[in-house]
Amino acid sequence: MKILVAADALLFLLGSEIDYETTRLASKFVFRNPNQTDACGCGESVTIVPAKAEA
């Protein structure tokens, strides 16, 4: 599978993992982002701090 990422979003996604989960109620993609610092209870709104670029 090929995933395209906009260049200006790259620092927000460094270290992220994408997984596909199937449960009795749903099948869905799950995103785990170590740069996420906060989220609302429903998971729709998140706060992400860009990773520091390595020189």
N, C-alpha and C. Protein backbone atom coordinates (compact mmCIF):
# COMPACT_ATOMS: atom_id res chain seq x y z
N MET A 1 0.84 -1.15 0.00
CA MET A 1 0.00 0.00 0.00
C MET A 1 0.90 1.23 0.00
N LYS A 2 0.57 2.20 -0.81
CA LYS A 2 1.33 3.44 -0.88
C LYS A 2 0.52 4.55 -0.23
N ILE A 3 1.17 5.32 0.66
CA ILE A 3 0.53 6.43 1.33
C ILE A 3 1.28 7.70 0.97
N LEU A 4 0.56 8.69 0.49
CA LEU A 4 1.15 9.97 0.12
C LEU A 4 0.93 10.97 1.25
N VAL A 5 1.98 11.72 1.58
CA VAL A 5 1.91 12.69 2.66
C VAL A 5 2.38 14.04 2.14
N ALA A 6 1.61 15.08 2.42
CA ALA A 6 2.00 16.44 2.02
C ALA A 6 3.27 16.83 2.79
N ALA A 7 4.19 17.48 2.12
CA ALA A 7 5.48 17.85 2.72
C ALA A 7 5.31 18.67 3.99
N ASP A 8 4.34 19.59 4.02
CA ASP A 8 4.17 20.43 5.20
C ASP A 8 3.53 19.68 6.38
N ALA A 9 3.05 18.46 6.18
CA ALA A 9 2.48 17.66 7.26
C ALA A 9 3.47 16.65 7.83
N LEU A 10 4.62 16.50 7.19
CA LEU A 10 5.56 15.45 7.56
C LEU A 10 6.01 15.53 9.01
N LEU A 11 6.34 16.70 9.52
CA LEU A 11 6.82 16.82 10.90
C LEU A 11 5.73 16.46 11.92
N PHE A 12 4.46 16.57 11.52
CA PHE A 12 3.37 16.20 12.42
C PHE A 12 3.15 14.69 12.46
N LEU A 13 3.68 13.97 11.48
CA LEU A 13 3.42 12.54 11.36
C LEU A 13 4.61 11.65 11.67
N LEU A 14 5.78 12.23 11.91
CA LEU A 14 6.96 11.42 12.19
C LEU A 14 6.72 10.50 13.38
N GLY A 15 7.03 9.24 13.23
CA GLY A 15 6.86 8.26 14.30
C GLY A 15 5.47 7.67 14.39
N SER A 16 4.54 8.10 13.53
CA SER A 16 3.17 7.60 13.58
C SER A 16 3.09 6.16 13.07
N GLU A 17 2.11 5.43 13.60
CA GLU A 17 1.83 4.07 13.15
C GLU A 17 0.38 4.00 12.71
N ILE A 18 0.14 3.29 11.63
CA ILE A 18 -1.22 3.06 11.14
C ILE A 18 -1.48 1.56 11.24
N ASP A 19 -2.61 1.20 11.83
CA ASP A 19 -2.96 -0.20 11.98
C ASP A 19 -4.41 -0.37 11.54
N TYR A 20 -4.78 -1.57 11.16
CA TYR A 20 -6.16 -1.88 10.81
C TYR A 20 -6.68 -2.86 11.84
N GLU A 21 -7.77 -2.51 12.51
CA GLU A 21 -8.33 -3.35 13.56
C GLU A 21 -9.75 -3.77 13.21
N THR A 22 -10.05 -5.01 13.54
CA THR A 22 -11.40 -5.53 13.34
C THR A 22 -11.90 -6.04 14.69
N THR A 23 -13.05 -5.52 15.11
CA THR A 23 -13.69 -5.98 16.33
C THR A 23 -15.08 -6.50 15.98
N ARG A 24 -15.83 -6.90 16.98
CA ARG A 24 -17.19 -7.38 16.72
C ARG A 24 -18.10 -6.27 16.21
N LEU A 25 -17.76 -5.01 16.52
CA LEU A 25 -18.63 -3.90 16.15
C LEU A 25 -18.13 -3.08 14.96
N ALA A 26 -16.84 -3.17 14.66
CA ALA A 26 -16.33 -2.30 13.60
C ALA A 26 -15.01 -2.81 13.04
N SER A 27 -14.71 -2.37 11.83
CA SER A 27 -13.39 -2.54 11.22
C SER A 27 -12.93 -1.14 10.87
N LYS A 28 -11.70 -0.79 11.28
CA LYS A 28 -11.27 0.59 11.10
C LYS A 28 -9.75 0.71 11.10
N PHE A 29 -9.28 1.81 10.54
CA PHE A 29 -7.88 2.17 10.63
C PHE A 29 -7.68 2.91 11.95
N VAL A 30 -6.59 2.61 12.63
CA VAL A 30 -6.25 3.25 13.89
C VAL A 30 -4.91 3.94 13.71
N PHE A 31 -4.85 5.22 14.07
CA PHE A 31 -3.62 6.00 13.95
C PHE A 31 -3.06 6.24 15.34
N ARG A 32 -1.80 5.88 15.52
CA ARG A 32 -1.11 6.15 16.79
C ARG A 32 0.01 7.13 16.49
N ASN A 33 -0.10 8.32 17.06
CA ASN A 33 0.85 9.39 16.78
C ASN A 33 1.53 9.81 18.08
N PRO A 34 2.83 9.60 18.21
CA PRO A 34 3.52 9.99 19.44
C PRO A 34 3.59 11.51 19.63
N ASN A 35 3.28 12.27 18.60
CA ASN A 35 3.29 13.73 18.67
C ASN A 35 1.97 14.29 19.19
N GLN A 36 0.96 13.44 19.38
CA GLN A 36 -0.34 13.89 19.88
C GLN A 36 -0.22 14.19 21.36
N THR A 37 -0.63 15.39 21.76
CA THR A 37 -0.52 15.80 23.16
C THR A 37 -1.87 15.87 23.87
N ASP A 38 -2.98 15.90 23.12
CA ASP A 38 -4.29 16.03 23.72
C ASP A 38 -5.34 15.55 22.74
N ALA A 39 -6.50 15.10 23.25
CA ALA A 39 -7.61 14.69 22.40
C ALA A 39 -8.91 14.86 23.15
N CYS A 40 -9.98 15.10 22.41
CA CYS A 40 -11.29 15.19 23.05
C CYS A 40 -11.78 13.78 23.36
N GLY A 41 -12.86 13.67 24.07
CA GLY A 41 -13.38 12.37 24.47
C GLY A 41 -13.83 11.50 23.31
N CYS A 42 -14.31 12.11 22.23
CA CYS A 42 -14.79 11.32 21.10
C CYS A 42 -13.66 10.96 20.14
N GLY A 43 -12.50 11.59 20.27
CA GLY A 43 -11.37 11.29 19.40
C GLY A 43 -11.37 12.02 18.07
N GLU A 44 -12.33 12.91 17.87
CA GLU A 44 -12.40 13.66 16.60
C GLU A 44 -11.43 14.84 16.56
N SER A 45 -11.19 15.46 17.69
CA SER A 45 -10.30 16.62 17.74
C SER A 45 -9.04 16.24 18.51
N VAL A 46 -7.89 16.55 17.93
CA VAL A 46 -6.62 16.24 18.59
C VAL A 46 -5.70 17.44 18.51
N THR A 47 -4.73 17.48 19.42
CA THR A 47 -3.68 18.49 19.39
C THR A 47 -2.38 17.75 19.10
N ILE A 48 -1.68 18.19 18.07
CA ILE A 48 -0.43 17.55 17.65
C ILE A 48 0.66 18.59 17.60
N VAL A 49 1.78 18.28 18.24
CA VAL A 49 2.95 19.16 18.23
C VAL A 49 3.92 18.59 17.20
N PRO A 50 4.43 19.41 16.28
CA PRO A 50 5.35 18.87 15.28
C PRO A 50 6.63 18.34 15.93
N ALA A 51 7.14 17.25 15.38
CA ALA A 51 8.40 16.68 15.86
C ALA A 51 9.53 17.62 15.52
N LYS A 52 10.59 17.56 16.28
CA LYS A 52 11.75 18.39 16.00
C LYS A 52 12.54 17.76 14.86
N ALA A 53 12.86 18.55 13.87
CA ALA A 53 13.63 18.06 12.72
C ALA A 53 15.06 17.79 13.16
N GLU A 54 15.60 16.67 12.72
CA GLU A 54 16.97 16.35 13.04
C GLU A 54 17.87 16.96 11.98
N ALA A 55 18.98 17.52 12.45
CA ALA A 55 19.91 18.18 11.53
C ALA A 55 20.78 17.18 10.81
